[in-house]
Amino acid sequence: MDRNQSCHLASSVANRWLGLRLEMIANLLTLFTAITAVFMRDRLTGGTVGLMITFALQITHSLNMLVRVSSDVETNIVSVERIDEYAK
């Protein structure tokens, strides 16, 4: 039981670390989008700026979910490979 919990703890810590880094990248992308909108305020309408920020937030959310799901899939595939190796 302790061995399982220690593996789960390591996985949770790695996911939290990755989540923190992805959120930092997402916040920087949103910040750069907002700064671009401020510098181009004469050429952009309010709707366009809202659309830019909304797309920036959606892209970062999608990237975050993609990375988390791919890391979960990779972890599960390694488990299946180990079971297959032990069965041989």
C-alpha atoms as a PDB file:
ATOM      1  CA  MET A   1       0.000   0.000   0.000  1.00  0.00           C
ATOM      2  CA  ASP A   2       2.813   2.437   0.845  1.00  0.00           C
ATOM      3  CA  ARG A   3       4.565   1.684  -2.443  1.00  0.00           C
ATOM      4  CA  ASN A   4       1.382   2.486  -4.389  1.00  0.00           C
ATOM      5  CA  GLN A   5       0.871   5.731  -2.490  1.00  0.00           C
ATOM      6  CA  SER A   6       4.473   6.833  -3.026  1.00  0.00           C
ATOM      7  CA  CYS A   7       4.107   6.268  -6.783  1.00  0.00           C
ATOM      8  CA  HIS A   8       0.807   8.143  -6.782  1.00  0.00           C
ATOM      9  CA  LEU A   9       2.394  11.003  -4.829  1.00  0.00           C
ATOM     10  CA  ALA A  10       5.255  11.271  -7.332  1.00  0.00           C
ATOM     11  CA  SER A  11       2.770  11.312 -10.202  1.00  0.00           C
ATOM     12  CA  SER A  12       0.660  13.991  -8.509  1.00  0.00           C
ATOM     13  CA  VAL A  13       3.691  16.164  -7.795  1.00  0.00           C
ATOM     14  CA  ALA A  14       4.855  15.872 -11.410  1.00  0.00           C
ATOM     15  CA  ASN A  15       1.376  16.786 -12.672  1.00  0.00           C
ATOM     16  CA  ARG A  16       1.237  19.795 -10.345  1.00  0.00           C
ATOM     17  CA  TRP A  17       4.683  20.942 -11.501  1.00  0.00           C
ATOM     18  CA  LEU A  18       3.652  20.582 -15.133  1.00  0.00           C
ATOM     19  CA  GLY A  19       0.353  22.353 -14.479  1.00  0.00           C
ATOM     20  CA  LEU A  20       2.138  25.277 -12.854  1.00  0.00           C
ATOM     21  CA  ARG A  21       4.487  25.670 -15.816  1.00  0.00           C
ATOM     22  CA  LEU A  22       1.633  25.418 -18.318  1.00  0.00           C
ATOM     23  CA  GLU A  23      -0.392  28.019 -16.423  1.00  0.00           C
ATOM     24  CA  MET A  24       2.607  30.352 -16.457  1.00  0.00           C
ATOM     25  CA  ILE A  25       2.929  29.958 -20.235  1.00  0.00           C
ATOM     26  CA  ALA A  26      -0.827  30.482 -20.601  1.00  0.00           C
ATOM     27  CA  ASN A  27      -0.735  33.657 -18.538  1.00  0.00           C
ATOM     28  CA  LEU A  28       2.179  34.995 -20.578  1.00  0.00           C
ATOM     29  CA  LEU A  29       0.314  34.281 -23.818  1.00  0.00           C
ATOM     30  CA  THR A  30      -2.768  36.085 -22.518  1.00  0.00           C
ATOM     31  CA  LEU A  31      -0.617  38.999 -21.324  1.00  0.00           C
ATOM     32  CA  PHE A  32       1.086  39.347 -24.715  1.00  0.00           C
ATOM     33  CA  THR A  33      -2.307  39.198 -26.415  1.00  0.00           C
ATOM     34  CA  ALA A  34      -3.614  41.984 -24.182  1.00  0.00           C
ATOM     35  CA  ILE A  35      -0.480  44.093 -24.712  1.00  0.00           C
ATOM     36  CA  THR A  36      -0.797  43.634 -28.475  1.00  0.00           C
ATOM     37  CA  ALA A  37      -4.424  44.730 -28.256  1.00  0.00           C
ATOM     38  CA  VAL A  38      -3.431  47.862 -26.325  1.00  0.00           C
ATOM     39  CA  PHE A  39      -0.728  48.828 -28.829  1.00  0.00           C
ATOM     40  CA  MET A  40      -3.062  48.217 -31.774  1.00  0.00           C
ATOM     41  CA  ARG A  41      -6.117  49.882 -30.207  1.00  0.00           C
ATOM     42  CA  ASP A  42      -6.514  52.271 -33.146  1.00  0.00           C
ATOM     43  CA  ARG A  43      -6.819  49.406 -35.643  1.00  0.00           C
ATOM     44  CA  LEU A  44      -8.818  46.866 -33.593  1.00  0.00           C
ATOM     45  CA  THR A  45     -12.427  46.951 -32.472  1.00  0.00           C
ATOM     46  CA  GLY A  46     -13.610  45.851 -29.048  1.00  0.00           C
ATOM     47  CA  GLY A  47     -15.112  42.684 -30.481  1.00  0.00           C
ATOM     48  CA  THR A  48     -11.848  41.729 -32.147  1.00  0.00           C
ATOM     49  CA  VAL A  49      -9.922  42.267 -28.918  1.00  0.00           C
ATOM     50  CA  GLY A  50     -12.436  40.158 -27.015  1.00  0.00           C
ATOM     51  CA  LEU A  51     -12.126  37.432 -29.626  1.00  0.00           C
ATOM     52  CA  MET A  52      -8.315  37.527 -29.429  1.00  0.00           C
ATOM     53  CA  ILE A  53      -8.301  37.137 -25.654  1.00  0.00           C
ATOM     54  CA  THR A  54     -10.966  34.427 -25.762  1.00  0.00           C
ATOM     55  CA  PHE A  55      -8.966  32.451 -28.318  1.00  0.00           C
ATOM     56  CA  ALA A  56      -5.785  32.862 -26.264  1.00  0.00           C
ATOM     57  CA  LEU A  57      -7.569  31.466 -23.205  1.00  0.00           C
ATOM     58  CA  GLN A  58      -9.075  28.579 -25.192  1.00  0.00           C
ATOM     59  CA  ILE A  59      -5.742  27.641 -26.742  1.00  0.00           C
ATOM     60  CA  THR A  60      -4.032  27.556 -23.365  1.00  0.00           C
ATOM     61  CA  HIS A  61      -6.811  25.455 -21.850  1.00  0.00           C
ATOM     62  CA  SER A  62      -6.641  23.030 -24.768  1.00  0.00           C
ATOM     63  CA  LEU A  63      -2.853  22.834 -24.489  1.00  0.00           C
ATOM     64  CA  ASN A  64      -3.102  22.169 -20.762  1.00  0.00           C
ATOM     65  CA  MET A  65      -5.604  19.350 -21.245  1.00  0.00           C
ATOM     66  CA  LEU A  66      -3.619  17.868 -24.154  1.00  0.00           C
ATOM     67  CA  VAL A  67      -0.415  17.683 -22.134  1.00  0.00           C
ATOM     68  CA  ARG A  68      -2.142  16.209 -19.073  1.00  0.00           C
ATOM     69  CA  VAL A  69      -4.031  13.586 -21.057  1.00  0.00           C
ATOM     70  CA  SER A  70      -0.939  12.621 -23.043  1.00  0.00           C
ATOM     71  CA  SER A  71       1.082  12.199 -19.840  1.00  0.00           C
ATOM     72  CA  ASP A  72      -1.688  10.029 -18.356  1.00  0.00           C
ATOM     73  CA  VAL A  73      -1.811   7.914 -21.520  1.00  0.00           C
ATOM     74  CA  GLU A  74       1.962   7.508 -21.487  1.00  0.00           C
ATOM     75  CA  THR A  75       1.891   6.433 -17.835  1.00  0.00           C
ATOM     76  CA  ASN A  76      -0.853   3.904 -18.504  1.00  0.00           C
ATOM     77  CA  ILE A  77       0.931   2.512 -21.568  1.00  0.00           C
ATOM     78  CA  VAL A  78       4.080   1.958 -19.508  1.00  0.00           C
ATOM     79  CA  SER A  79       1.970   0.030 -16.996  1.00  0.00           C
ATOM     80  CA  VAL A  80       0.565  -2.183 -19.749  1.00  0.00           C
ATOM     81  CA  GLU A  81       4.064  -2.759 -21.151  1.00  0.00           C
ATOM     82  CA  ARG A  82       5.303  -3.834 -17.720  1.00  0.00           C
ATOM     83  CA  ILE A  83       2.413  -6.255 -17.247  1.00  0.00           C
ATOM     84  CA  ASP A  84       3.094  -7.699 -20.700  1.00  0.00           C
ATOM     85  CA  GLU A  85       6.784  -8.048 -19.860  1.00  0.00           C
ATOM     86  CA  TYR A  86       6.055  -9.781 -16.534  1.00  0.00           C
ATOM     87  CA  ALA A  87       3.618 -12.167 -18.224  1.00  0.00           C
ATOM     88  CA  LYS A  88       6.294 -13.449 -20.630  1.00  0.00           C
END
